[in-house]
Amino acid sequence: MAETVDFTDRYLRGETPWDSGKPSEELLRVLGAGKLTGRTVLEFGCGTGTNAVELARRGFVVTAVDIAEPAIRIARDKARAAAVAVDFRMADVLKDALGGPYDILFDCGVYHCLRTIDLRRFQEFLRKSTRPGSWWLSMAGNAKEDTDPGPPVVSEDEIRAELGPLFDIVELREFRFTTNTADFRPLGWSILMRRR
């Protein structure tokens, strides 16, 4: 069992290196290539809403959830300032019903945390939130470079074993996370999947 992180406390203390304030470079790359088809998106672990707002700007119908109330409060302010509609909710994907199925799932750094907390419940959430043909773009820490401090990491074999039964892995590529610290860019996996 992995150690759980109090994300609310991290937001209140301003200890959020993952919050660069810019949309994910990998999300922008995949969107630019036209690889995410559909209309409805569920972003889980949305943080302060930067990616959700970008998706809404591009015409997607976005539901975005996070377990940290301070992050959701900031995210709602960002959506208002950008004049876009996003259904921001405080929720825990391991416990709360989030509707769906969605055309697209997106997370940046949630799979690599929840896989060690309760993989079976996380897999059940994925099954309920998607249907055959749904897309999922996930950003996870890469076990080829274990940085401390840094994100939890996962190996390619673990990704294929844990996600392969439900999803076809369309693209698995390495990238570097953008953080709010210029010289800290941990190695990650960009995992583009399609529900079987």
N, C-alpha and C. Protein backbone atom coordinates (compact mmCIF):
# COMPACT_ATOMS: atom_id res chain seq x y z
N MET A 1 0.85 -1.19 0.00
CA MET A 1 0.00 0.00 0.00
C MET A 1 0.88 1.24 0.00
N ALA A 2 0.59 2.13 -0.90
CA ALA A 2 1.39 3.34 -1.03
C ALA A 2 1.00 4.36 0.03
N GLU A 3 1.91 5.23 0.31
CA GLU A 3 1.63 6.35 1.20
C GLU A 3 0.71 7.32 0.47
N THR A 4 -0.34 7.76 1.16
CA THR A 4 -1.25 8.71 0.54
C THR A 4 -0.78 10.14 0.81
N VAL A 5 -1.08 11.00 -0.12
CA VAL A 5 -0.66 12.40 -0.03
C VAL A 5 -1.89 13.24 0.29
N ASP A 6 -1.76 14.20 1.19
CA ASP A 6 -2.84 15.12 1.49
C ASP A 6 -2.74 16.28 0.51
N PHE A 7 -3.46 16.15 -0.63
CA PHE A 7 -3.35 17.15 -1.67
C PHE A 7 -3.96 18.49 -1.24
N THR A 8 -5.00 18.46 -0.42
CA THR A 8 -5.58 19.72 0.06
C THR A 8 -4.52 20.50 0.82
N ASP A 9 -3.81 19.81 1.70
CA ASP A 9 -2.75 20.46 2.47
C ASP A 9 -1.65 20.99 1.56
N ARG A 10 -1.29 20.21 0.53
CA ARG A 10 -0.25 20.66 -0.41
C ARG A 10 -0.69 21.95 -1.12
N TYR A 11 -1.95 22.03 -1.54
CA TYR A 11 -2.43 23.26 -2.19
C TYR A 11 -2.43 24.42 -1.20
N LEU A 12 -2.87 24.18 0.02
CA LEU A 12 -2.91 25.27 1.01
C LEU A 12 -1.52 25.79 1.32
N ARG A 13 -0.51 24.92 1.29
CA ARG A 13 0.87 25.33 1.57
C ARG A 13 1.60 25.82 0.32
N GLY A 14 0.94 25.70 -0.84
CA GLY A 14 1.59 26.13 -2.09
C GLY A 14 2.67 25.18 -2.56
N GLU A 15 2.64 23.93 -2.10
CA GLU A 15 3.63 22.92 -2.50
C GLU A 15 3.05 22.08 -3.63
N THR A 16 2.98 22.69 -4.81
CA THR A 16 2.34 22.05 -5.97
C THR A 16 3.23 22.16 -7.20
N PRO A 17 4.36 21.44 -7.22
CA PRO A 17 5.27 21.56 -8.36
C PRO A 17 4.63 21.15 -9.69
N TRP A 18 3.60 20.32 -9.63
CA TRP A 18 2.91 19.86 -10.85
C TRP A 18 2.07 20.96 -11.49
N ASP A 19 1.79 22.02 -10.77
CA ASP A 19 0.89 23.08 -11.27
C ASP A 19 1.71 24.16 -11.98
N SER A 20 2.00 23.92 -13.26
CA SER A 20 2.84 24.85 -14.03
C SER A 20 2.07 26.09 -14.48
N GLY A 21 0.73 26.02 -14.45
CA GLY A 21 -0.08 27.13 -14.94
C GLY A 21 -0.22 27.15 -16.45
N LYS A 22 0.34 26.13 -17.13
CA LYS A 22 0.25 26.02 -18.59
C LYS A 22 -0.38 24.69 -18.96
N PRO A 23 -1.14 24.64 -20.05
CA PRO A 23 -1.71 23.35 -20.47
C PRO A 23 -0.59 22.34 -20.73
N SER A 24 -0.89 21.09 -20.48
CA SER A 24 0.06 20.00 -20.71
C SER A 24 0.54 20.00 -22.16
N GLU A 25 1.86 20.00 -22.36
CA GLU A 25 2.42 19.95 -23.70
C GLU A 25 1.97 18.69 -24.43
N GLU A 26 1.88 17.59 -23.70
CA GLU A 26 1.46 16.32 -24.33
C GLU A 26 -0.01 16.37 -24.72
N LEU A 27 -0.84 16.97 -23.89
CA LEU A 27 -2.25 17.11 -24.25
C LEU A 27 -2.37 17.95 -25.52
N LEU A 28 -1.65 19.06 -25.58
CA LEU A 28 -1.69 19.92 -26.77
C LEU A 28 -1.19 19.18 -28.01
N ARG A 29 -0.14 18.37 -27.85
CA ARG A 29 0.39 17.60 -28.98
C ARG A 29 -0.64 16.62 -29.52
N VAL A 30 -1.27 15.88 -28.62
CA VAL A 30 -2.25 14.87 -29.03
C VAL A 30 -3.49 15.54 -29.64
N LEU A 31 -3.94 16.64 -29.04
CA LEU A 31 -5.07 17.37 -29.62
C LEU A 31 -4.71 17.92 -31.00
N GLY A 32 -3.52 18.48 -31.13
CA GLY A 32 -3.09 19.03 -32.40
C GLY A 32 -3.00 17.99 -33.51
N ALA A 33 -2.72 16.75 -33.12
CA ALA A 33 -2.64 15.66 -34.10
C ALA A 33 -4.02 15.07 -34.41
N GLY A 34 -5.06 15.60 -33.75
CA GLY A 34 -6.42 15.11 -34.01
C GLY A 34 -6.68 13.70 -33.50
N LYS A 35 -5.95 13.29 -32.46
CA LYS A 35 -6.05 11.91 -31.99
C LYS A 35 -7.15 11.67 -30.96
N LEU A 36 -7.73 12.72 -30.42
CA LEU A 36 -8.81 12.55 -29.44
C LEU A 36 -10.13 12.94 -30.08
N THR A 37 -10.91 11.95 -30.42
CA THR A 37 -12.20 12.21 -31.06
C THR A 37 -13.32 12.03 -30.05
N GLY A 38 -14.37 12.80 -30.23
CA GLY A 38 -15.51 12.75 -29.33
C GLY A 38 -15.81 14.14 -28.81
N ARG A 39 -16.78 14.21 -27.93
CA ARG A 39 -17.25 15.51 -27.45
C ARG A 39 -17.12 15.66 -25.94
N THR A 40 -17.37 14.58 -25.19
CA THR A 40 -17.39 14.68 -23.73
C THR A 40 -16.07 14.22 -23.15
N VAL A 41 -15.59 15.00 -22.17
CA VAL A 41 -14.30 14.71 -21.53
C VAL A 41 -14.48 14.67 -20.02
N LEU A 42 -13.85 13.69 -19.39
CA LEU A 42 -13.71 13.68 -17.94
C LEU A 42 -12.22 13.81 -17.64
N GLU A 43 -11.85 14.93 -17.00
CA GLU A 43 -10.48 15.05 -16.50
C GLU A 43 -10.54 14.76 -15.01
N PHE A 44 -9.79 13.75 -14.58
CA PHE A 44 -9.74 13.46 -13.15
C PHE A 44 -8.37 13.83 -12.63
N GLY A 45 -8.40 14.48 -11.44
CA GLY A 45 -7.18 15.09 -10.92
C GLY A 45 -6.88 16.37 -11.65
N CYS A 46 -7.91 17.20 -11.82
CA CYS A 46 -7.79 18.41 -12.67
C CYS A 46 -6.99 19.53 -12.03
N GLY A 47 -6.71 19.43 -10.73
CA GLY A 47 -5.95 20.50 -10.07
C GLY A 47 -6.66 21.83 -10.22
N THR A 48 -5.91 22.85 -10.59
CA THR A 48 -6.48 24.20 -10.69
C THR A 48 -7.12 24.48 -12.04
N GLY A 49 -7.34 23.45 -12.84
CA GLY A 49 -8.21 23.57 -14.00
C GLY A 49 -7.60 24.03 -15.30
N THR A 50 -6.29 24.17 -15.37
CA THR A 50 -5.67 24.70 -16.59
C THR A 50 -5.99 23.87 -17.82
N ASN A 51 -5.86 22.54 -17.71
CA ASN A 51 -6.14 21.67 -18.86
C ASN A 51 -7.62 21.61 -19.18
N ALA A 52 -8.45 21.59 -18.16
CA ALA A 52 -9.91 21.55 -18.37
C ALA A 52 -10.37 22.80 -19.11
N VAL A 53 -9.84 23.96 -18.73
CA VAL A 53 -10.20 25.21 -19.40
C VAL A 53 -9.75 25.16 -20.86
N GLU A 54 -8.56 24.64 -21.11
CA GLU A 54 -8.07 24.53 -22.50
C GLU A 54 -8.97 23.61 -23.32
N LEU A 55 -9.38 22.51 -22.74
CA LEU A 55 -10.29 21.59 -23.45
C LEU A 55 -11.63 22.26 -23.74
N ALA A 56 -12.16 23.01 -22.78
CA ALA A 56 -13.43 23.71 -23.00
C ALA A 56 -13.28 24.78 -24.08
N ARG A 57 -12.16 25.47 -24.11
CA ARG A 57 -11.90 26.47 -25.16
C ARG A 57 -11.96 25.84 -26.55
N ARG A 58 -11.57 24.57 -26.62
CA ARG A 58 -11.54 23.86 -27.90
C ARG A 58 -12.88 23.21 -28.24
N GLY A 59 -13.91 23.47 -27.44
CA GLY A 59 -15.25 23.02 -27.77
C GLY A 59 -15.69 21.71 -27.13
N PHE A 60 -14.87 21.12 -26.28
CA PHE A 60 -15.28 19.89 -25.60
C PHE A 60 -16.23 20.22 -24.45
N VAL A 61 -17.10 19.29 -24.12
CA VAL A 61 -17.97 19.39 -22.95
C VAL A 61 -17.20 18.70 -21.82
N VAL A 62 -16.75 19.49 -20.85
CA VAL A 62 -15.76 19.01 -19.88
C VAL A 62 -16.35 18.90 -18.48
N THR A 63 -16.15 17.73 -17.88
CA THR A 63 -16.35 17.52 -16.46
C THR A 63 -14.96 17.32 -15.88
N ALA A 64 -14.64 18.03 -14.81
CA ALA A 64 -13.29 17.96 -14.23
C ALA A 64 -13.40 17.83 -12.72
N VAL A 65 -12.68 16.85 -12.17
CA VAL A 65 -12.80 16.56 -10.74
C VAL A 65 -11.43 16.55 -10.09
N ASP A 66 -11.44 16.86 -8.80
CA ASP A 66 -10.23 16.78 -7.98
C ASP A 66 -10.67 16.55 -6.54
N ILE A 67 -9.77 15.97 -5.74
CA ILE A 67 -10.12 15.73 -4.33
C ILE A 67 -9.79 16.93 -3.45
N ALA A 68 -9.08 17.91 -4.00
CA ALA A 68 -8.64 19.07 -3.20
C ALA A 68 -9.56 20.27 -3.44
N GLU A 69 -10.29 20.65 -2.42
CA GLU A 69 -11.23 21.77 -2.53
C GLU A 69 -10.56 23.09 -2.92
N PRO A 70 -9.37 23.42 -2.38
CA PRO A 70 -8.74 24.68 -2.80
C PRO A 70 -8.44 24.70 -4.30
N ALA A 71 -8.07 23.57 -4.87
CA ALA A 71 -7.79 23.49 -6.31
C ALA A 71 -9.06 23.73 -7.12
N ILE A 72 -10.16 23.13 -6.70
CA ILE A 72 -11.44 23.29 -7.42
C ILE A 72 -11.89 24.75 -7.36
N ARG A 73 -11.69 25.39 -6.23
CA ARG A 73 -12.07 26.81 -6.09
C ARG A 73 -11.31 27.67 -7.11
N ILE A 74 -10.00 27.45 -7.22
CA ILE A 74 -9.18 28.19 -8.19
C ILE A 74 -9.61 27.85 -9.61
N ALA A 75 -9.89 26.58 -9.87
CA ALA A 75 -10.30 26.14 -11.21
C ALA A 75 -11.58 26.83 -11.66
N ARG A 76 -12.53 26.94 -10.76
CA ARG A 76 -13.80 27.62 -11.11
C ARG A 76 -13.54 29.09 -11.46
N ASP A 77 -12.64 29.73 -10.71
CA ASP A 77 -12.29 31.13 -11.03
C ASP A 77 -11.64 31.23 -12.40
N LYS A 78 -10.76 30.28 -12.74
CA LYS A 78 -10.10 30.28 -14.06
C LYS A 78 -11.13 30.15 -15.18
N ALA A 79 -12.09 29.26 -15.00
CA ALA A 79 -13.12 29.06 -16.04
C ALA A 79 -13.95 30.32 -16.22
N ARG A 80 -14.31 30.97 -15.11
CA ARG A 80 -15.07 32.23 -15.20
C ARG A 80 -14.26 33.28 -15.93
N ALA A 81 -12.99 33.41 -15.60
CA ALA A 81 -12.13 34.41 -16.24
C ALA A 81 -11.95 34.13 -17.73
N ALA A 82 -11.96 32.85 -18.10
CA ALA A 82 -11.80 32.48 -19.52
C ALA A 82 -13.13 32.45 -20.26
N ALA A 83 -14.22 32.66 -19.54
CA ALA A 83 -15.58 32.64 -20.11
C ALA A 83 -15.88 31.32 -20.81
N VAL A 84 -15.52 30.22 -20.13
CA VAL A 84 -15.86 28.89 -20.64
C VAL A 84 -16.61 28.12 -19.55
N ALA A 85 -17.40 27.15 -19.99
CA ALA A 85 -18.16 26.32 -19.05
C ALA A 85 -17.44 25.01 -18.82
N VAL A 86 -17.13 24.74 -17.56
CA VAL A 86 -16.57 23.45 -17.14
C VAL A 86 -17.33 23.03 -15.90
N ASP A 87 -17.74 21.78 -15.85
CA ASP A 87 -18.42 21.24 -14.67
C ASP A 87 -17.34 20.75 -13.70
N PHE A 88 -16.88 21.67 -12.84
CA PHE A 88 -15.86 21.30 -11.85
C PHE A 88 -16.54 20.71 -10.63
N ARG A 89 -16.00 19.59 -10.15
CA ARG A 89 -16.56 18.92 -8.98
C ARG A 89 -15.45 18.46 -8.05
N MET A 90 -15.72 18.52 -6.76
CA MET A 90 -14.83 17.91 -5.80
C MET A 90 -15.27 16.45 -5.70
N ALA A 91 -14.37 15.52 -6.02
CA ALA A 91 -14.74 14.11 -6.02
C ALA A 91 -13.50 13.23 -5.92
N ASP A 92 -13.71 12.02 -5.47
CA ASP A 92 -12.69 10.98 -5.37
C ASP A 92 -13.09 9.87 -6.34
N VAL A 93 -12.26 9.62 -7.35
CA VAL A 93 -12.63 8.63 -8.37
C VAL A 93 -12.75 7.21 -7.80
N LEU A 94 -12.13 6.95 -6.66
CA LEU A 94 -12.24 5.62 -6.05
C LEU A 94 -13.53 5.43 -5.26
N LYS A 95 -14.25 6.54 -5.02
CA LYS A 95 -15.45 6.45 -4.17
C LYS A 95 -16.70 7.02 -4.81
N ASP A 96 -16.58 8.07 -5.62
CA ASP A 96 -17.75 8.81 -6.09
C ASP A 96 -18.16 8.42 -7.51
N ALA A 97 -19.46 8.41 -7.76
CA ALA A 97 -19.98 8.18 -9.11
C ALA A 97 -19.79 9.46 -9.92
N LEU A 98 -19.21 9.33 -11.11
CA LEU A 98 -18.89 10.52 -11.91
C LEU A 98 -19.62 10.55 -13.24
N GLY A 99 -20.64 9.70 -13.39
CA GLY A 99 -21.41 9.73 -14.63
C GLY A 99 -20.67 9.05 -15.76
N GLY A 100 -21.06 9.42 -16.95
CA GLY A 100 -20.45 8.81 -18.13
C GLY A 100 -21.36 7.74 -18.70
N PRO A 101 -20.89 7.00 -19.64
CA PRO A 101 -19.51 6.97 -20.09
C PRO A 101 -19.14 8.21 -20.89
N TYR A 102 -17.84 8.53 -20.84
CA TYR A 102 -17.30 9.70 -21.54
C TYR A 102 -16.59 9.26 -22.82
N ASP A 103 -16.49 10.18 -23.76
CA ASP A 103 -15.75 9.91 -25.00
C ASP A 103 -14.25 9.89 -24.75
N ILE A 104 -13.81 10.74 -23.80
CA ILE A 104 -12.38 10.92 -23.54
C ILE A 104 -12.15 11.03 -22.04
N LEU A 105 -11.14 10.34 -21.54
CA LEU A 105 -10.63 10.56 -20.18
C LEU A 105 -9.26 11.20 -20.31
N PHE A 106 -8.93 12.06 -19.35
CA PHE A 106 -7.61 12.66 -19.31
C PHE A 106 -7.16 12.77 -17.87
N ASP A 107 -5.90 12.40 -17.63
CA ASP A 107 -5.31 12.65 -16.31
C ASP A 107 -3.83 12.94 -16.48
N CYS A 108 -3.35 13.77 -15.63
CA CYS A 108 -1.93 14.09 -15.59
C CYS A 108 -1.46 13.80 -14.17
N GLY A 109 -1.01 12.57 -13.95
CA GLY A 109 -0.46 12.22 -12.66
C GLY A 109 -1.41 11.57 -11.67
N VAL A 110 -2.52 11.01 -12.14
CA VAL A 110 -3.43 10.34 -11.21
C VAL A 110 -3.24 8.82 -11.26
N TYR A 111 -3.19 8.27 -12.46
CA TYR A 111 -2.99 6.81 -12.58
C TYR A 111 -1.79 6.37 -11.77
N HIS A 112 -0.66 7.08 -11.88
CA HIS A 112 0.55 6.62 -11.20
C HIS A 112 0.42 6.68 -9.67
N CYS A 113 -0.52 7.44 -9.16
CA CYS A 113 -0.79 7.45 -7.70
C CYS A 113 -1.79 6.36 -7.31
N LEU A 114 -2.93 6.32 -8.01
CA LEU A 114 -4.02 5.43 -7.59
C LEU A 114 -3.72 3.95 -7.82
N ARG A 115 -2.84 3.65 -8.75
CA ARG A 115 -2.50 2.24 -9.03
C ARG A 115 -1.93 1.55 -7.80
N THR A 116 -1.28 2.32 -6.91
CA THR A 116 -0.68 1.73 -5.72
C THR A 116 -1.60 1.84 -4.50
N ILE A 117 -2.68 2.60 -4.62
CA ILE A 117 -3.62 2.73 -3.51
C ILE A 117 -4.69 1.66 -3.60
N ASP A 118 -5.34 1.54 -4.77
CA ASP A 118 -6.35 0.50 -4.97
C ASP A 118 -6.54 0.29 -6.47
N LEU A 119 -5.69 -0.51 -7.06
CA LEU A 119 -5.70 -0.72 -8.50
C LEU A 119 -7.04 -1.29 -8.97
N ARG A 120 -7.59 -2.24 -8.23
CA ARG A 120 -8.84 -2.87 -8.65
C ARG A 120 -9.98 -1.85 -8.72
N ARG A 121 -10.11 -1.02 -7.69
CA ARG A 121 -11.18 0.00 -7.72
C ARG A 121 -10.93 1.03 -8.81
N PHE A 122 -9.65 1.38 -9.03
CA PHE A 122 -9.34 2.31 -10.10
C PHE A 122 -9.72 1.72 -11.46
N GLN A 123 -9.42 0.46 -11.68
CA GLN A 123 -9.78 -0.20 -12.94
C GLN A 123 -11.31 -0.23 -13.11
N GLU A 124 -12.03 -0.43 -12.02
CA GLU A 124 -13.49 -0.43 -12.08
C GLU A 124 -14.02 0.97 -12.44
N PHE A 125 -13.42 2.01 -11.88
CA PHE A 125 -13.77 3.38 -12.26
C PHE A 125 -13.57 3.59 -13.76
N LEU A 126 -12.44 3.13 -14.29
CA LEU A 126 -12.16 3.27 -15.71
C LEU A 126 -13.20 2.55 -16.56
N ARG A 127 -13.58 1.35 -16.13
CA ARG A 127 -14.57 0.58 -16.87
C ARG A 127 -15.92 1.30 -16.91
N LYS A 128 -16.34 1.84 -15.76
CA LYS A 128 -17.64 2.53 -15.67
C LYS A 128 -17.65 3.86 -16.41
N SER A 129 -16.51 4.52 -16.50
CA SER A 129 -16.43 5.87 -17.08
C SER A 129 -16.28 5.87 -18.59
N THR A 130 -16.05 4.69 -19.17
CA THR A 130 -15.79 4.59 -20.61
C THR A 130 -16.70 3.56 -21.25
N ARG A 131 -16.64 3.50 -22.58
CA ARG A 131 -17.33 2.47 -23.36
C ARG A 131 -16.38 2.07 -24.48
N PRO A 132 -16.64 0.99 -25.19
CA PRO A 132 -15.76 0.65 -26.30
C PRO A 132 -15.61 1.83 -27.25
N GLY A 133 -14.36 2.16 -27.56
CA GLY A 133 -14.06 3.30 -28.42
C GLY A 133 -13.66 4.56 -27.68
N SER A 134 -13.93 4.63 -26.35
CA SER A 134 -13.52 5.81 -25.58
C SER A 134 -11.99 5.90 -25.55
N TRP A 135 -11.50 7.14 -25.54
CA TRP A 135 -10.07 7.40 -25.47
C TRP A 135 -9.67 7.73 -24.03
N TRP A 136 -8.40 7.45 -23.71
CA TRP A 136 -7.83 7.88 -22.42
C TRP A 136 -6.39 8.30 -22.67
N LEU A 137 -6.08 9.54 -22.31
CA LEU A 137 -4.71 10.03 -22.36
C LEU A 137 -4.26 10.22 -20.92
N SER A 138 -3.21 9.50 -20.54
CA SER A 138 -2.70 9.53 -19.17
C SER A 138 -1.23 9.90 -19.17
N MET A 139 -0.85 10.76 -18.23
CA MET A 139 0.55 11.13 -18.03
C MET A 139 1.00 10.52 -16.71
N ALA A 140 2.06 9.71 -16.76
CA ALA A 140 2.52 9.00 -15.56
C ALA A 140 4.03 9.11 -15.44
N GLY A 141 4.51 9.02 -14.20
CA GLY A 141 5.95 9.00 -13.97
C GLY A 141 6.58 7.76 -14.58
N ASN A 142 7.78 7.92 -15.09
CA ASN A 142 8.47 6.86 -15.82
C ASN A 142 9.53 6.21 -14.94
N ALA A 143 9.43 4.88 -14.76
CA ALA A 143 10.34 4.15 -13.87
C ALA A 143 11.78 4.12 -14.37
N LYS A 144 12.01 4.55 -15.61
CA LYS A 144 13.39 4.61 -16.11
C LYS A 144 14.20 5.70 -15.41
N GLU A 145 13.50 6.60 -14.72
CA GLU A 145 14.17 7.70 -14.02
C GLU A 145 13.41 7.95 -12.72
N ASP A 146 13.91 7.40 -11.64
CA ASP A 146 13.26 7.55 -10.34
C ASP A 146 13.81 8.80 -9.67
N THR A 147 13.04 9.87 -9.71
CA THR A 147 13.49 11.13 -9.13
C THR A 147 12.88 11.30 -7.74
N ASP A 148 13.68 11.79 -6.82
CA ASP A 148 13.19 12.06 -5.48
C ASP A 148 13.70 13.43 -5.07
N PRO A 149 12.86 14.44 -4.95
CA PRO A 149 11.41 14.34 -5.07
C PRO A 149 11.00 14.23 -6.53
N GLY A 150 9.83 13.71 -6.74
CA GLY A 150 9.30 13.58 -8.08
C GLY A 150 8.04 12.74 -8.04
N PRO A 151 7.45 12.52 -9.20
CA PRO A 151 6.21 11.77 -9.24
C PRO A 151 6.43 10.28 -8.97
N PRO A 152 5.40 9.58 -8.51
CA PRO A 152 5.48 8.12 -8.47
C PRO A 152 5.77 7.62 -9.89
N VAL A 153 6.42 6.46 -9.98
CA VAL A 153 6.81 5.97 -11.29
C VAL A 153 6.21 4.59 -11.58
N VAL A 154 6.12 4.28 -12.87
CA VAL A 154 5.56 3.02 -13.33
C VAL A 154 6.39 2.56 -14.54
N SER A 155 6.52 1.25 -14.69
CA SER A 155 7.29 0.72 -15.82
C SER A 155 6.36 0.41 -16.99
N GLU A 156 6.95 0.25 -18.17
CA GLU A 156 6.16 -0.11 -19.35
C GLU A 156 5.44 -1.44 -19.13
N ASP A 157 6.11 -2.41 -18.54
CA ASP A 157 5.47 -3.72 -18.29
C ASP A 157 4.27 -3.58 -17.37
N GLU A 158 4.40 -2.74 -16.33
CA GLU A 158 3.28 -2.53 -15.40
C GLU A 158 2.11 -1.86 -16.12
N ILE A 159 2.39 -0.86 -16.96
CA ILE A 159 1.34 -0.18 -17.71
C ILE A 159 0.57 -1.20 -18.55
N ARG A 160 1.30 -2.02 -19.29
CA ARG A 160 0.66 -3.00 -20.17
C ARG A 160 -0.14 -4.04 -19.39
N ALA A 161 0.37 -4.47 -18.24
CA ALA A 161 -0.33 -5.47 -17.43
C ALA A 161 -1.58 -4.88 -16.77
N GLU A 162 -1.49 -3.65 -16.28
CA GLU A 162 -2.58 -3.05 -15.52
C GLU A 162 -3.67 -2.45 -16.40
N LEU A 163 -3.29 -1.91 -17.56
CA LEU A 163 -4.26 -1.19 -18.39
C LEU A 163 -4.62 -1.96 -19.66
N GLY A 164 -3.74 -2.84 -20.11
CA GLY A 164 -3.95 -3.60 -21.33
C GLY A 164 -5.21 -4.44 -21.39
N PRO A 165 -5.66 -5.02 -20.28
CA PRO A 165 -6.89 -5.82 -20.37
C PRO A 165 -8.13 -5.03 -20.79
N LEU A 166 -8.18 -3.74 -20.48
CA LEU A 166 -9.35 -2.91 -20.80
C LEU A 166 -9.11 -1.98 -21.99
N PHE A 167 -7.85 -1.60 -22.21
CA PHE A 167 -7.53 -0.61 -23.24
C PHE A 167 -6.48 -1.13 -24.20
N ASP A 168 -6.64 -0.79 -25.48
CA ASP A 168 -5.55 -0.94 -26.44
C ASP A 168 -4.62 0.24 -26.25
N ILE A 169 -3.34 -0.01 -26.11
CA ILE A 169 -2.38 1.08 -25.97
C ILE A 169 -1.97 1.50 -27.37
N VAL A 170 -2.46 2.67 -27.77
CA VAL A 170 -2.27 3.20 -29.12
C VAL A 170 -0.90 3.83 -29.27
N GLU A 171 -0.46 4.53 -28.21
CA GLU A 171 0.81 5.24 -28.26
C GLU A 171 1.37 5.30 -26.85
N LEU A 172 2.62 4.90 -26.70
CA LEU A 172 3.32 4.97 -25.42
C LEU A 172 4.65 5.65 -25.69
N ARG A 173 4.77 6.88 -25.21
CA ARG A 173 6.00 7.63 -25.52
C ARG A 173 6.51 8.35 -24.29
N GLU A 174 7.80 8.55 -24.27
CA GLU A 174 8.41 9.28 -23.17
C GLU A 174 8.32 10.78 -23.42
N PHE A 175 8.22 11.54 -22.34
CA PHE A 175 8.21 13.00 -22.41
C PHE A 175 8.72 13.52 -21.08
N ARG A 176 8.86 14.81 -20.96
CA ARG A 176 9.24 15.42 -19.68
C ARG A 176 8.11 16.30 -19.18
N PHE A 177 7.72 16.07 -17.93
CA PHE A 177 6.69 16.90 -17.30
C PHE A 177 7.15 18.35 -17.23
N THR A 178 6.20 19.26 -17.43
CA THR A 178 6.44 20.67 -17.18
C THR A 178 5.99 20.95 -15.76
N THR A 179 6.84 21.56 -14.98
CA THR A 179 6.50 21.88 -13.59
C THR A 179 6.59 23.40 -13.41
N ASN A 180 6.38 23.84 -12.18
CA ASN A 180 6.50 25.27 -11.93
C ASN A 180 7.93 25.66 -11.54
N THR A 181 8.86 24.74 -11.75
CA THR A 181 10.28 24.99 -11.51
C THR A 181 11.03 24.68 -12.81
N ALA A 182 11.70 25.69 -13.37
CA ALA A 182 12.29 25.56 -14.71
C ALA A 182 13.27 24.39 -14.84
N ASP A 183 14.05 24.11 -13.80
CA ASP A 183 15.07 23.08 -13.93
C ASP A 183 14.61 21.72 -13.40
N PHE A 184 13.31 21.55 -13.18
CA PHE A 184 12.78 20.27 -12.69
C PHE A 184 11.76 19.74 -13.68
N ARG A 185 12.18 18.81 -14.53
CA ARG A 185 11.30 18.23 -15.56
C ARG A 185 11.44 16.71 -15.52
N PRO A 186 10.73 16.05 -14.61
CA PRO A 186 10.86 14.60 -14.49
C PRO A 186 10.41 13.86 -15.76
N LEU A 187 11.01 12.69 -15.96
CA LEU A 187 10.66 11.86 -17.10
C LEU A 187 9.30 11.23 -16.87
N GLY A 188 8.49 11.22 -17.91
CA GLY A 188 7.15 10.65 -17.79
C GLY A 188 6.81 9.77 -18.97
N TRP A 189 5.67 9.11 -18.85
CA TRP A 189 5.04 8.37 -19.95
C TRP A 189 3.81 9.14 -20.40
N SER A 190 3.66 9.29 -21.70
CA SER A 190 2.41 9.76 -22.29
C SER A 190 1.75 8.52 -22.87
N ILE A 191 0.60 8.15 -22.32
CA ILE A 191 -0.05 6.90 -22.68
C ILE A 191 -1.40 7.21 -23.31
N LEU A 192 -1.49 6.99 -24.61
CA LEU A 192 -2.75 7.19 -25.33
C LEU A 192 -3.39 5.82 -25.53
N MET A 193 -4.61 5.67 -25.04
CA MET A 193 -5.29 4.38 -25.06
C MET A 193 -6.69 4.50 -25.63
N ARG A 194 -7.20 3.38 -26.12
CA ARG A 194 -8.58 3.32 -26.59
C ARG A 194 -9.25 2.10 -25.99
N ARG A 195 -10.42 2.31 -25.44
CA ARG A 195 -11.15 1.22 -24.75
C ARG A 195 -11.50 0.12 -25.75
N ARG A 196 -11.23 -1.09 -25.34
CA ARG A 196 -11.55 -2.29 -26.15
C ARG A 196 -13.04 -2.48 -26.26
